[in-house]
Structures are given as C-alpha cells and as structure tokens.
Amino acid sequence: MADENDNSARQDAKQDSRQARASRDDRLKSALRENLKRRKLQARERAAIAEPSQNDDGSLNEDVAGKTGG
C-alpha cells in the first residue's frame, strides 16, 4: 500500500514537473519571439536611417549638393 502511494506521488511529481517545464518552455518561446520581432524592427529602422539618399543632382551629401569646388 505504501508502495502504491509512493508510485502515485512520484507520478504526480513527474506530471507536475512536465507541466512546469512545458509552461516555462511556452513562456520562453513567446519571449524569444517578441525579442526577435523587436530586434528586426530595430534593424529595419537603423537601415532606413543609415541608408544614404541621393539628392536631385546625384550627390549623396546635402552639404555638397549644388556647390562647386573652390
């Protein structure tokens, strides 16, 4: 009888452990997914800022646009 109670207690503990592990894994997956989305957004924003845009005359630098050497 005591053996049956021990086995039952062990099985319950294993099941609780599995559920806790699954819950933790789900939280980690969600956190990683959100982190990846945030980092991709940051990378896109940095790329948009760092990307040089050409002026009408084809120059890349606004300070030099339209000026001649002298």
Protein backbone atom coordinates (compact mmCIF):
# COMPACT_ATOMS: atom_id res chain seq x y z
CA MET A 1 0.00 0.00 0.00
CA ALA A 2 2.82 2.38 0.84
CA ASP A 3 4.49 1.46 -2.44
CA GLU A 4 1.35 2.40 -4.36
CA ASN A 5 1.24 5.78 -2.61
CA ASP A 6 4.93 6.37 -3.37
CA ASN A 7 4.42 5.49 -7.03
CA SER A 8 1.39 7.72 -7.24
CA ALA A 9 3.24 10.58 -5.58
CA ARG A 10 6.19 10.13 -7.94
CA GLN A 11 3.92 10.09 -10.97
CA ASP A 12 2.17 13.24 -9.75
CA ALA A 13 5.52 14.92 -9.18
CA LYS A 14 6.71 13.91 -12.66
CA GLN A 15 3.50 15.19 -14.21
CA ASP A 16 3.79 18.49 -12.29
CA SER A 17 7.41 18.75 -13.40
CA ARG A 18 6.43 18.16 -17.03
CA GLN A 19 3.67 20.75 -16.84
CA ALA A 20 6.01 23.28 -15.23
CA ARG A 21 8.60 22.58 -17.92
CA ALA A 22 6.02 22.96 -20.70
CA SER A 23 4.77 26.21 -19.18
CA ARG A 24 8.32 27.53 -18.92
CA ASP A 25 9.08 26.50 -22.50
CA ASP A 26 5.96 28.30 -23.72
CA ARG A 27 6.95 31.48 -21.87
CA LEU A 28 10.47 31.30 -23.29
CA LYS A 29 9.19 30.74 -26.83
CA SER A 30 6.90 33.72 -26.51
CA ALA A 31 9.64 35.93 -25.06
CA LEU A 32 12.10 34.90 -27.78
CA ARG A 33 9.51 35.54 -30.50
CA GLU A 34 8.78 39.03 -29.15
CA ASN A 35 12.50 39.76 -28.79
CA LEU A 36 13.12 38.70 -32.39
CA LYS A 37 10.29 40.94 -33.63
CA ARG A 38 11.68 43.88 -31.66
CA ARG A 39 15.23 43.33 -32.94
CA LYS A 40 14.06 43.02 -36.55
CA LEU A 41 12.13 46.27 -36.21
CA GLN A 42 15.18 47.98 -34.73
CA ALA A 43 17.37 46.67 -37.56
CA ARG A 44 14.90 47.94 -40.17
CA GLU A 45 14.80 51.36 -38.52
CA ARG A 46 18.60 51.54 -38.36
CA ALA A 47 18.88 50.51 -42.01
CA ALA A 48 16.40 53.20 -43.03
CA ILE A 49 18.31 55.85 -41.08
CA ALA A 50 21.75 54.73 -42.26
CA GLU A 51 20.72 54.38 -45.89
CA PRO A 52 22.02 57.42 -47.76
CA SER A 53 19.52 59.08 -50.03
CA GLN A 54 20.65 60.78 -53.19
CA ASN A 55 19.80 64.40 -53.86
CA ASP A 56 18.34 65.58 -57.14
CA ASP A 57 21.78 66.31 -58.57
CA GLY A 58 23.03 62.81 -57.68
CA SER A 59 25.22 63.80 -54.76
CA LEU A 60 24.98 61.89 -51.50
CA ASN A 61 25.95 64.67 -49.09
CA GLU A 62 23.49 67.54 -48.55
CA ASP A 63 26.30 69.97 -47.70
CA VAL A 64 28.00 69.39 -51.04
CA ALA A 65 24.86 69.36 -53.18
CA GLY A 66 24.87 72.15 -55.74
CA LYS A 67 28.27 73.54 -54.68
CA THR A 68 31.28 73.69 -56.94
CA GLY A 69 34.85 73.17 -55.84
CA GLY A 70 36.76 76.24 -54.94
